[in-house]
Amino acid sequence: MKAGLRYQNGCMYEHHGAWYVRYRHRILQEDGSAKLNHASKHLGRSADFSNIFEAKRCRASFMQTVNRDRFSAHSRITLTAFVEGAYLPWTKEERRASTSKGHHEIWINHIRDHVGELRLREFRTVDASRMLRAIAKKKDLTKTTLQHIKSVLSTVFIYAKNEGAFDGTNPVDGVLIPMLAREPGHARL
C-alpha cells in the first residue's frame, strides 16, 4: 500500500538575520522518475518582519505553492529544461513542420540565452519584459520579430499550463514590445 503525500508546513528558522523555510520537493530525473530532495527558501530579512507572526504568514503563503505543486515533478523544472525536453518535441509532433522549425529557431537564436536557469513556475512578467528589452538592445530587430518572440514564449506557458507544469496567469500576457525596435521596412542607420 502506497502512502499518500502529506501536506508540508515547512521548518522555519532564523539564520544570520534572515528567515528561511526548509521543505522537501521532487526533482525530475532524466529517466523520468522523481527524487525527493530538501531545499530552503529565503523568506526575507528579519528586520523586514515586524514580528514572528508575519514571518509565519509568509512561510504559509510560500508553502501553499509548494503543496499545490507537490504532485507535479515539473514544478521545479527550469524553463530551458521544459522547453527543450517537452515543448519543442511536442511542436514537432503536433504542429506543422514550418511552425515547429520557427519556434525552435526563435528559442535557439533569441530566448534560450536570456532565460538562464530561471524556474518555469518562478518566471514573471518582469522577466519576459526585461528579456525582450535585452534582445532589442542587442540585436537590430523589427517590432514584428519581437512580437514573434513574445508569442513563442507565451505559447510555451500555455503548453506548460496544459501539462500541469505551470499554474496561474500567463506571465507573458501584458508584456510590452520595446520602443527600441524598428518599424518593419525601415532600415536603421
N, C-alpha and C. Protein backbone atom coordinates (compact mmCIF):
# COMPACT_ATOMS: atom_id res chain seq x y z
N MET A 1 0.84 -1.18 0.00
CA MET A 1 0.00 0.00 0.00
C MET A 1 0.88 1.24 0.00
N LYS A 2 0.60 2.14 -0.91
CA LYS A 2 1.40 3.35 -1.04
C LYS A 2 0.88 4.45 -0.13
N ALA A 3 1.78 5.08 0.58
CA ALA A 3 1.38 6.20 1.45
C ALA A 3 1.21 7.46 0.60
N GLY A 4 0.19 8.23 0.87
CA GLY A 4 -0.04 9.48 0.14
C GLY A 4 0.93 10.55 0.60
N LEU A 5 1.07 11.57 -0.20
CA LEU A 5 1.93 12.69 0.17
C LEU A 5 1.22 13.53 1.23
N ARG A 6 1.98 13.94 2.23
CA ARG A 6 1.41 14.74 3.29
C ARG A 6 1.57 16.22 2.99
N TYR A 7 0.69 17.01 3.57
CA TYR A 7 0.78 18.45 3.48
C TYR A 7 1.98 18.88 4.31
N GLN A 8 2.84 19.71 3.73
CA GLN A 8 4.04 20.19 4.43
C GLN A 8 3.80 21.57 5.03
N ASN A 9 4.27 21.76 6.25
CA ASN A 9 4.28 23.09 6.85
C ASN A 9 5.62 23.76 6.66
N GLY A 10 6.65 22.96 6.47
CA GLY A 10 8.00 23.50 6.35
C GLY A 10 8.57 23.81 7.72
N CYS A 11 9.86 23.80 7.83
CA CYS A 11 10.55 24.10 9.08
C CYS A 11 11.14 25.51 8.97
N MET A 12 10.60 26.44 9.71
CA MET A 12 11.05 27.82 9.64
C MET A 12 12.19 28.04 10.63
N TYR A 13 13.21 28.76 10.19
CA TYR A 13 14.33 29.05 11.07
C TYR A 13 14.94 30.40 10.71
N GLU A 14 15.62 30.98 11.70
CA GLU A 14 16.29 32.27 11.51
C GLU A 14 17.79 32.02 11.49
N HIS A 15 18.46 32.62 10.51
CA HIS A 15 19.90 32.40 10.36
C HIS A 15 20.53 33.67 9.81
N HIS A 16 21.53 34.19 10.50
CA HIS A 16 22.26 35.40 10.07
C HIS A 16 21.32 36.56 9.73
N GLY A 17 20.35 36.78 10.58
CA GLY A 17 19.46 37.93 10.42
C GLY A 17 18.41 37.80 9.33
N ALA A 18 18.09 36.56 8.95
CA ALA A 18 17.07 36.35 7.92
C ALA A 18 16.24 35.11 8.27
N TRP A 19 14.99 35.09 7.78
CA TRP A 19 14.11 33.94 7.99
C TRP A 19 14.15 33.05 6.76
N TYR A 20 14.17 31.74 7.01
CA TYR A 20 14.16 30.73 5.95
C TYR A 20 13.12 29.67 6.29
N VAL A 21 12.71 28.94 5.26
CA VAL A 21 11.86 27.77 5.48
C VAL A 21 12.52 26.59 4.75
N ARG A 22 12.64 25.47 5.44
CA ARG A 22 13.18 24.25 4.84
C ARG A 22 12.01 23.33 4.52
N TYR A 23 12.04 22.70 3.35
CA TYR A 23 10.95 21.85 2.90
C TYR A 23 11.49 20.78 1.95
N ARG A 24 10.63 19.87 1.53
CA ARG A 24 11.01 18.83 0.57
C ARG A 24 10.34 19.12 -0.77
N HIS A 25 11.04 18.76 -1.86
CA HIS A 25 10.45 18.91 -3.19
C HIS A 25 10.93 17.78 -4.08
N ARG A 26 10.19 17.56 -5.15
CA ARG A 26 10.54 16.50 -6.10
C ARG A 26 11.41 17.07 -7.21
N ILE A 27 12.41 16.28 -7.62
CA ILE A 27 13.26 16.67 -8.73
C ILE A 27 13.10 15.61 -9.80
N LEU A 28 12.78 16.04 -11.01
CA LEU A 28 12.60 15.14 -12.14
C LEU A 28 13.96 14.62 -12.59
N GLN A 29 14.11 13.30 -12.66
CA GLN A 29 15.34 12.67 -13.11
C GLN A 29 15.29 12.44 -14.62
N GLU A 30 16.43 12.23 -15.24
CA GLU A 30 16.49 12.02 -16.69
C GLU A 30 15.73 10.77 -17.12
N ASP A 31 15.65 9.76 -16.26
CA ASP A 31 14.94 8.52 -16.61
C ASP A 31 13.43 8.64 -16.42
N GLY A 32 12.95 9.82 -16.03
CA GLY A 32 11.52 10.06 -15.87
C GLY A 32 11.03 9.90 -14.44
N SER A 33 11.83 9.34 -13.57
CA SER A 33 11.43 9.18 -12.18
C SER A 33 11.61 10.51 -11.43
N ALA A 34 11.10 10.55 -10.23
CA ALA A 34 11.23 11.76 -9.41
C ALA A 34 11.96 11.40 -8.11
N LYS A 35 12.82 12.29 -7.67
CA LYS A 35 13.60 12.09 -6.45
C LYS A 35 13.19 13.17 -5.45
N LEU A 36 13.02 12.78 -4.20
CA LEU A 36 12.67 13.74 -3.15
C LEU A 36 13.95 14.38 -2.63
N ASN A 37 13.97 15.70 -2.54
CA ASN A 37 15.16 16.43 -2.13
C ASN A 37 14.77 17.52 -1.12
N HIS A 38 15.72 17.95 -0.31
CA HIS A 38 15.48 19.02 0.65
C HIS A 38 15.91 20.36 0.04
N ALA A 39 15.19 21.40 0.37
CA ALA A 39 15.51 22.74 -0.13
C ALA A 39 15.18 23.77 0.95
N SER A 40 15.76 24.95 0.81
CA SER A 40 15.46 26.07 1.70
C SER A 40 15.08 27.27 0.87
N LYS A 41 14.18 28.06 1.39
CA LYS A 41 13.74 29.28 0.71
C LYS A 41 13.95 30.45 1.65
N HIS A 42 14.62 31.49 1.15
CA HIS A 42 14.82 32.73 1.90
C HIS A 42 13.50 33.48 1.91
N LEU A 43 12.95 33.73 3.09
CA LEU A 43 11.68 34.45 3.19
C LEU A 43 11.86 35.95 3.28
N GLY A 44 12.98 36.39 3.83
CA GLY A 44 13.25 37.82 3.97
C GLY A 44 14.13 38.09 5.17
N ARG A 45 14.63 39.31 5.22
CA ARG A 45 15.46 39.69 6.36
C ARG A 45 14.59 39.79 7.61
N SER A 46 15.18 39.48 8.73
CA SER A 46 14.43 39.54 10.00
C SER A 46 13.85 40.94 10.22
N ALA A 47 14.59 41.96 9.82
CA ALA A 47 14.14 43.34 10.01
C ALA A 47 12.93 43.68 9.15
N ASP A 48 12.68 42.90 8.08
CA ASP A 48 11.54 43.15 7.20
C ASP A 48 10.21 42.74 7.82
N PHE A 49 10.26 41.91 8.86
CA PHE A 49 9.05 41.43 9.53
C PHE A 49 8.94 42.11 10.89
N SER A 50 7.77 42.65 11.19
CA SER A 50 7.60 43.35 12.47
C SER A 50 7.52 42.38 13.63
N ASN A 51 7.05 41.14 13.37
CA ASN A 51 7.02 40.11 14.41
C ASN A 51 7.06 38.73 13.76
N ILE A 52 7.16 37.71 14.58
CA ILE A 52 7.30 36.35 14.06
C ILE A 52 6.04 35.88 13.32
N PHE A 53 4.88 36.45 13.68
CA PHE A 53 3.65 36.03 13.03
C PHE A 53 3.62 36.44 11.56
N GLU A 54 4.22 37.58 11.23
CA GLU A 54 4.34 37.98 9.82
C GLU A 54 5.23 37.01 9.06
N ALA A 55 6.31 36.60 9.67
CA ALA A 55 7.21 35.63 9.05
C ALA A 55 6.49 34.30 8.84
N LYS A 56 5.67 33.90 9.81
CA LYS A 56 4.91 32.65 9.69
C LYS A 56 3.86 32.75 8.58
N ARG A 57 3.25 33.92 8.40
CA ARG A 57 2.29 34.11 7.30
C ARG A 57 2.99 33.99 5.96
N CYS A 58 4.19 34.56 5.87
CA CYS A 58 4.98 34.47 4.65
C CYS A 58 5.33 33.01 4.35
N ARG A 59 5.71 32.28 5.41
CA ARG A 59 6.01 30.85 5.24
C ARG A 59 4.78 30.09 4.76
N ALA A 60 3.62 30.35 5.37
CA ALA A 60 2.38 29.66 4.99
C ALA A 60 2.02 29.93 3.54
N SER A 61 2.19 31.16 3.10
CA SER A 61 1.91 31.52 1.71
C SER A 61 2.82 30.76 0.75
N PHE A 62 4.10 30.73 1.06
CA PHE A 62 5.05 30.01 0.22
C PHE A 62 4.75 28.51 0.22
N MET A 63 4.46 27.94 1.38
CA MET A 63 4.21 26.51 1.47
C MET A 63 2.93 26.09 0.76
N GLN A 64 1.96 27.00 0.62
CA GLN A 64 0.78 26.69 -0.17
C GLN A 64 1.18 26.41 -1.62
N THR A 65 2.11 27.19 -2.15
CA THR A 65 2.60 26.97 -3.51
C THR A 65 3.31 25.62 -3.60
N VAL A 66 4.15 25.33 -2.63
CA VAL A 66 4.87 24.05 -2.62
C VAL A 66 3.89 22.89 -2.55
N ASN A 67 2.90 22.98 -1.68
CA ASN A 67 1.93 21.90 -1.53
C ASN A 67 1.02 21.75 -2.74
N ARG A 68 0.69 22.83 -3.38
CA ARG A 68 -0.13 22.77 -4.59
C ARG A 68 0.62 22.04 -5.69
N ASP A 69 1.94 22.24 -5.76
CA ASP A 69 2.76 21.66 -6.80
C ASP A 69 3.34 20.29 -6.43
N ARG A 70 2.97 19.74 -5.28
CA ARG A 70 3.66 18.54 -4.79
C ARG A 70 3.43 17.31 -5.66
N PHE A 71 2.38 17.29 -6.45
CA PHE A 71 2.13 16.12 -7.30
C PHE A 71 2.84 16.22 -8.64
N SER A 72 3.35 17.37 -8.96
CA SER A 72 3.98 17.57 -10.25
C SER A 72 5.50 17.55 -10.13
N ALA A 73 6.12 16.62 -10.83
CA ALA A 73 7.58 16.57 -10.84
C ALA A 73 8.14 17.74 -11.64
N HIS A 74 7.31 18.37 -12.49
CA HIS A 74 7.74 19.51 -13.30
C HIS A 74 7.77 20.81 -12.50
N SER A 75 7.33 20.79 -11.25
CA SER A 75 7.15 22.04 -10.52
C SER A 75 8.45 22.81 -10.29
N ARG A 76 9.61 22.15 -10.28
CA ARG A 76 10.87 22.84 -10.05
C ARG A 76 11.75 22.86 -11.30
N ILE A 77 11.22 22.48 -12.41
CA ILE A 77 11.99 22.38 -13.64
C ILE A 77 12.32 23.78 -14.17
N THR A 78 13.49 23.91 -14.77
CA THR A 78 13.86 25.20 -15.35
C THR A 78 13.10 25.40 -16.66
N LEU A 79 12.97 26.64 -17.07
CA LEU A 79 12.31 26.95 -18.33
C LEU A 79 13.05 26.29 -19.49
N THR A 80 14.39 26.32 -19.47
CA THR A 80 15.18 25.71 -20.54
C THR A 80 14.92 24.20 -20.62
N ALA A 81 14.94 23.52 -19.49
CA ALA A 81 14.70 22.08 -19.48
C ALA A 81 13.30 21.74 -19.97
N PHE A 82 12.31 22.55 -19.59
CA PHE A 82 10.95 22.28 -20.02
C PHE A 82 10.81 22.48 -21.53
N VAL A 83 11.34 23.59 -22.04
CA VAL A 83 11.21 23.88 -23.47
C VAL A 83 11.91 22.80 -24.30
N GLU A 84 13.15 22.48 -23.92
CA GLU A 84 13.91 21.53 -24.72
C GLU A 84 13.49 20.08 -24.51
N GLY A 85 12.96 19.77 -23.33
CA GLY A 85 12.56 18.40 -23.05
C GLY A 85 11.10 18.08 -23.33
N ALA A 86 10.24 19.09 -23.34
CA ALA A 86 8.81 18.84 -23.52
C ALA A 86 8.20 19.67 -24.64
N TYR A 87 8.41 20.99 -24.62
CA TYR A 87 7.71 21.86 -25.57
C TYR A 87 8.16 21.65 -27.02
N LEU A 88 9.46 21.71 -27.28
CA LEU A 88 9.94 21.55 -28.66
C LEU A 88 9.61 20.18 -29.24
N PRO A 89 9.76 19.08 -28.48
CA PRO A 89 9.33 17.79 -29.01
C PRO A 89 7.82 17.76 -29.31
N TRP A 90 7.02 18.43 -28.48
CA TRP A 90 5.58 18.49 -28.73
C TRP A 90 5.29 19.24 -30.03
N THR A 91 5.99 20.35 -30.28
CA THR A 91 5.73 21.09 -31.52
C THR A 91 6.09 20.24 -32.74
N LYS A 92 7.12 19.39 -32.63
CA LYS A 92 7.48 18.51 -33.75
C LYS A 92 6.37 17.52 -34.06
N GLU A 93 5.70 17.02 -33.02
CA GLU A 93 4.64 16.04 -33.21
C GLU A 93 3.30 16.66 -33.55
N GLU A 94 2.99 17.79 -32.95
CA GLU A 94 1.63 18.33 -33.02
C GLU A 94 1.44 19.53 -33.94
N ARG A 95 2.48 20.15 -34.38
CA ARG A 95 2.36 21.35 -35.21
C ARG A 95 2.98 21.11 -36.58
N ARG A 96 2.66 22.01 -37.52
CA ARG A 96 3.25 21.91 -38.85
C ARG A 96 4.77 22.03 -38.75
N ALA A 97 5.45 21.45 -39.73
CA ALA A 97 6.92 21.47 -39.72
C ALA A 97 7.46 22.89 -39.72
N SER A 98 6.81 23.80 -40.47
CA SER A 98 7.28 25.18 -40.53
C SER A 98 7.12 25.88 -39.18
N THR A 99 6.02 25.60 -38.48
CA THR A 99 5.80 26.19 -37.15
C THR A 99 6.82 25.66 -36.16
N SER A 100 7.03 24.35 -36.17
CA SER A 100 8.00 23.73 -35.27
C SER A 100 9.40 24.28 -35.51
N LYS A 101 9.78 24.41 -36.77
CA LYS A 101 11.10 24.93 -37.12
C LYS A 101 11.24 26.38 -36.66
N GLY A 102 10.21 27.19 -36.89
CA GLY A 102 10.24 28.59 -36.48
C GLY A 102 10.37 28.75 -34.97
N HIS A 103 9.62 27.95 -34.20
CA HIS A 103 9.68 28.03 -32.74
C HIS A 103 11.05 27.58 -32.25
N HIS A 104 11.59 26.54 -32.88
CA HIS A 104 12.92 26.05 -32.49
C HIS A 104 13.98 27.13 -32.75
N GLU A 105 13.92 27.77 -33.91
CA GLU A 105 14.91 28.81 -34.25
C GLU A 105 14.78 30.02 -33.33
N ILE A 106 13.57 30.44 -33.03
CA ILE A 106 13.38 31.57 -32.12
C ILE A 106 13.92 31.22 -30.73
N TRP A 107 13.67 29.99 -30.27
CA TRP A 107 14.19 29.56 -28.98
C TRP A 107 15.72 29.62 -28.96
N ILE A 108 16.34 29.01 -29.96
CA ILE A 108 17.81 28.92 -30.01
C ILE A 108 18.44 30.30 -30.22
N ASN A 109 17.93 31.08 -31.16
CA ASN A 109 18.56 32.34 -31.55
C ASN A 109 18.26 33.52 -30.63
N HIS A 110 17.15 33.48 -29.92
CA HIS A 110 16.75 34.68 -29.17
C HIS A 110 16.47 34.46 -27.68
N ILE A 111 15.79 33.37 -27.33
CA ILE A 111 15.28 33.24 -25.97
C ILE A 111 16.22 32.49 -25.04
N ARG A 112 16.74 31.37 -25.47
CA ARG A 112 17.47 30.45 -24.57
C ARG A 112 18.56 31.13 -23.75
N ASP A 113 19.38 31.94 -24.37
CA ASP A 113 20.49 32.57 -23.65
C ASP A 113 20.03 33.61 -22.64
N HIS A 114 18.79 34.05 -22.74
CA HIS A 114 18.30 35.11 -21.85
C HIS A 114 17.54 34.58 -20.63
N VAL A 115 17.14 33.31 -20.64
CA VAL A 115 16.36 32.80 -19.51
C VAL A 115 17.23 32.11 -18.46
N GLY A 116 18.44 31.71 -18.84
CA GLY A 116 19.36 31.12 -17.87
C GLY A 116 18.75 29.95 -17.14
N GLU A 117 18.87 29.96 -15.83
CA GLU A 117 18.36 28.87 -15.00
C GLU A 117 17.07 29.24 -14.28
N LEU A 118 16.30 30.17 -14.85
CA LEU A 118 15.02 30.53 -14.24
C LEU A 118 14.09 29.33 -14.22
N ARG A 119 13.44 29.13 -13.10
CA ARG A 119 12.49 28.03 -12.98
C ARG A 119 11.18 28.42 -13.66
N LEU A 120 10.55 27.44 -14.27
CA LEU A 120 9.31 27.66 -15.01
C LEU A 120 8.26 28.34 -14.14
N ARG A 121 8.06 27.84 -12.93
CA ARG A 121 6.99 28.39 -12.09
C ARG A 121 7.34 29.73 -11.46
N GLU A 122 8.62 30.12 -11.50
CA GLU A 122 9.04 31.39 -10.91
C GLU A 122 9.19 32.50 -11.95
N PHE A 123 8.95 32.18 -13.22
CA PHE A 123 9.06 33.16 -14.29
C PHE A 123 7.93 34.17 -14.16
N ARG A 124 8.27 35.47 -14.22
CA ARG A 124 7.27 36.53 -14.04
C ARG A 124 7.23 37.45 -15.26
N THR A 125 6.21 38.28 -15.30
CA THR A 125 6.05 39.23 -16.40
C THR A 125 7.28 40.12 -16.52
N VAL A 126 7.85 40.55 -15.41
CA VAL A 126 9.02 41.42 -15.44
C VAL A 126 10.20 40.70 -16.11
N ASP A 127 10.31 39.38 -15.93
CA ASP A 127 11.39 38.63 -16.58
C ASP A 127 11.23 38.64 -18.10
N ALA A 128 10.01 38.46 -18.56
CA ALA A 128 9.74 38.49 -20.01
C ALA A 128 10.00 39.89 -20.57
N SER A 129 9.59 40.91 -19.84
CA SER A 129 9.80 42.29 -20.28
C SER A 129 11.28 42.63 -20.38
N ARG A 130 12.03 42.26 -19.35
CA ARG A 130 13.48 42.53 -19.36
C ARG A 130 14.16 41.76 -20.49
N MET A 131 13.72 40.53 -20.72
CA MET A 131 14.29 39.73 -21.78
C MET A 131 14.08 40.38 -23.15
N LEU A 132 12.86 40.82 -23.42
CA LEU A 132 12.58 41.46 -24.71
C LEU A 132 13.38 42.75 -24.88
N ARG A 133 13.53 43.52 -23.80
CA ARG A 133 14.34 44.74 -23.88
C ARG A 133 15.80 44.42 -24.15
N ALA A 134 16.32 43.38 -23.51
CA ALA A 134 17.71 42.98 -23.73
C ALA A 134 17.93 42.50 -25.16
N ILE A 135 16.97 41.76 -25.70
CA ILE A 135 17.07 41.30 -27.09
C ILE A 135 17.03 42.48 -28.04
N ALA A 136 16.15 43.45 -27.77
CA ALA A 136 16.03 44.62 -28.64
C ALA A 136 17.31 45.46 -28.61
N LYS A 137 17.97 45.56 -27.45
CA LYS A 137 19.22 46.31 -27.35
C LYS A 137 20.36 45.61 -28.08
N LYS A 138 20.38 44.30 -27.98
CA LYS A 138 21.48 43.50 -28.51
C LYS A 138 21.40 43.34 -30.03
N LYS A 139 20.20 43.23 -30.57
CA LYS A 139 20.03 42.94 -31.99
C LYS A 139 19.12 43.98 -32.64
N ASP A 140 19.36 44.23 -33.90
CA ASP A 140 18.53 45.16 -34.67
C ASP A 140 17.34 44.40 -35.24
N LEU A 141 16.27 44.31 -34.46
CA LEU A 141 15.09 43.55 -34.86
C LEU A 141 13.89 44.45 -35.04
N THR A 142 12.96 44.00 -35.87
CA THR A 142 11.73 44.75 -36.06
C THR A 142 10.75 44.44 -34.93
N LYS A 143 9.75 45.28 -34.81
CA LYS A 143 8.71 45.04 -33.81
C LYS A 143 7.99 43.72 -34.10
N THR A 144 7.85 43.39 -35.37
CA THR A 144 7.20 42.13 -35.75
C THR A 144 7.99 40.94 -35.24
N THR A 145 9.30 40.97 -35.39
CA THR A 145 10.14 39.87 -34.90
C THR A 145 10.05 39.75 -33.39
N LEU A 146 10.08 40.88 -32.69
CA LEU A 146 9.93 40.85 -31.23
C LEU A 146 8.56 40.31 -30.82
N GLN A 147 7.55 40.63 -31.61
CA GLN A 147 6.21 40.10 -31.35
C GLN A 147 6.20 38.58 -31.52
N HIS A 148 6.92 38.07 -32.52
CA HIS A 148 7.02 36.62 -32.72
C HIS A 148 7.72 35.96 -31.53
N ILE A 149 8.77 36.58 -31.04
CA ILE A 149 9.50 36.06 -29.88
C ILE A 149 8.56 36.01 -28.67
N LYS A 150 7.82 37.08 -28.46
CA LYS A 150 6.86 37.13 -27.36
C LYS A 150 5.80 36.05 -27.52
N SER A 151 5.33 35.84 -28.73
CA SER A 151 4.30 34.84 -29.00
C SER A 151 4.79 33.42 -28.70
N VAL A 152 6.02 33.11 -29.09
CA VAL A 152 6.57 31.78 -28.81
C VAL A 152 6.66 31.57 -27.30
N LEU A 153 7.16 32.55 -26.58
CA LEU A 153 7.27 32.42 -25.14
C LEU A 153 5.90 32.26 -24.49
N SER A 154 4.92 32.98 -24.97
CA SER A 154 3.56 32.86 -24.46
C SER A 154 3.01 31.46 -24.70
N THR A 155 3.27 30.91 -25.88
CA THR A 155 2.80 29.57 -26.22
C THR A 155 3.45 28.51 -25.34
N VAL A 156 4.71 28.72 -24.97
CA VAL A 156 5.39 27.81 -24.05
C VAL A 156 4.61 27.73 -22.74
N PHE A 157 4.16 28.87 -22.21
CA PHE A 157 3.44 28.87 -20.95
C PHE A 157 2.03 28.31 -21.09
N ILE A 158 1.41 28.50 -22.24
CA ILE A 158 0.09 27.89 -22.48
C ILE A 158 0.24 26.36 -22.46
N TYR A 159 1.27 25.86 -23.14
CA TYR A 159 1.52 24.42 -23.15
C TYR A 159 1.85 23.92 -21.73
N ALA A 160 2.66 24.67 -20.99
CA ALA A 160 3.02 24.27 -19.63
C ALA A 160 1.78 24.18 -18.74
N LYS A 161 0.84 25.10 -18.90
CA LYS A 161 -0.40 25.05 -18.12
C LYS A 161 -1.21 23.81 -18.48
N ASN A 162 -1.23 23.47 -19.77
CA ASN A 162 -1.97 22.29 -20.21
C ASN A 162 -1.34 21.00 -19.72
N GLU A 163 -0.05 21.02 -19.47
CA GLU A 163 0.66 19.83 -18.98
C GLU A 163 0.72 19.77 -17.46
N GLY A 164 0.22 20.79 -16.79
CA GLY A 164 0.23 20.81 -15.33
C GLY A 164 1.57 21.24 -14.73
N ALA A 165 2.46 21.77 -15.57
CA ALA A 165 3.78 22.19 -15.09
C ALA A 165 3.78 23.63 -14.62
N PHE A 166 2.70 24.37 -14.89
CA PHE A 166 2.63 25.78 -14.51
C PHE A 166 1.19 26.12 -14.17
N ASP A 167 1.01 26.86 -13.08
CA ASP A 167 -0.32 27.34 -12.68
C ASP A 167 -0.29 28.86 -12.66
N GLY A 168 -1.42 29.45 -12.73
CA GLY A 168 -1.51 30.91 -12.66
C GLY A 168 -1.68 31.51 -14.04
N THR A 169 -1.65 32.83 -14.08
CA THR A 169 -1.83 33.51 -15.35
C THR A 169 -0.54 33.46 -16.16
N ASN A 170 -0.68 33.53 -17.45
CA ASN A 170 0.46 33.51 -18.35
C ASN A 170 1.31 34.75 -18.10
N PRO A 171 2.57 34.59 -17.69
CA PRO A 171 3.40 35.76 -17.36
C PRO A 171 3.77 36.61 -18.57
N VAL A 172 3.54 36.12 -19.77
CA VAL A 172 3.89 36.88 -20.97
C VAL A 172 2.75 37.82 -21.37
N ASP A 173 1.54 37.54 -20.89
CA ASP A 173 0.42 38.44 -21.18
C ASP A 173 0.73 39.82 -20.61
N GLY A 174 0.52 40.83 -21.38
CA GLY A 174 0.73 42.19 -20.92
C GLY A 174 2.14 42.71 -21.10
N VAL A 175 3.06 41.90 -21.61
CA VAL A 175 4.42 42.36 -21.84
C VAL A 175 4.42 43.30 -23.04
N LEU A 176 5.04 44.45 -22.88
CA LEU A 176 5.08 45.45 -23.94
C LEU A 176 6.28 45.23 -24.86
N ILE A 177 6.08 45.50 -26.13
CA ILE A 177 7.18 45.43 -27.09
C ILE A 177 8.02 46.70 -26.91
N PRO A 178 9.34 46.55 -26.75
CA PRO A 178 10.20 47.72 -26.50
C PRO A 178 10.16 48.73 -27.65
N MET A 179 10.30 50.00 -27.29
CA MET A 179 10.33 51.08 -28.28
C MET A 179 11.63 51.08 -29.08
N LEU A 180 12.67 50.37 -28.59
CA LEU A 180 13.94 50.29 -29.30
C LEU A 180 13.81 49.59 -30.65
N ALA A 181 12.78 48.77 -30.78
CA ALA A 181 12.60 48.01 -32.02
C ALA A 181 12.26 48.95 -33.17
N ARG A 182 12.74 48.60 -34.34
CA ARG A 182 12.43 49.44 -35.51
C ARG A 182 11.15 48.96 -36.16
N GLU A 183 10.55 49.85 -36.90
CA GLU A 183 9.33 49.52 -37.62
C GLU A 183 9.69 48.62 -38.80
N PRO A 184 8.81 47.68 -39.17
CA PRO A 184 9.07 46.83 -40.32
C PRO A 184 9.26 47.67 -41.59
N GLY A 185 10.26 47.31 -42.39
CA GLY A 185 10.51 48.01 -43.64
C GLY A 185 11.42 49.22 -43.53
N HIS A 186 11.80 49.60 -42.32
CA HIS A 186 12.68 50.74 -42.09
C HIS A 186 14.06 50.25 -41.66
N ALA A 187 15.06 50.61 -42.40
CA ALA A 187 16.43 50.22 -42.04
C ALA A 187 16.96 51.21 -41.01
N ARG A 188 17.75 50.72 -40.08
CA ARG A 188 18.35 51.56 -39.07
C ARG A 188 19.68 52.06 -39.61
N LEU A 189 19.94 53.34 -39.45
CA LEU A 189 21.18 53.93 -39.97
C LEU A 189 22.30 53.82 -38.99
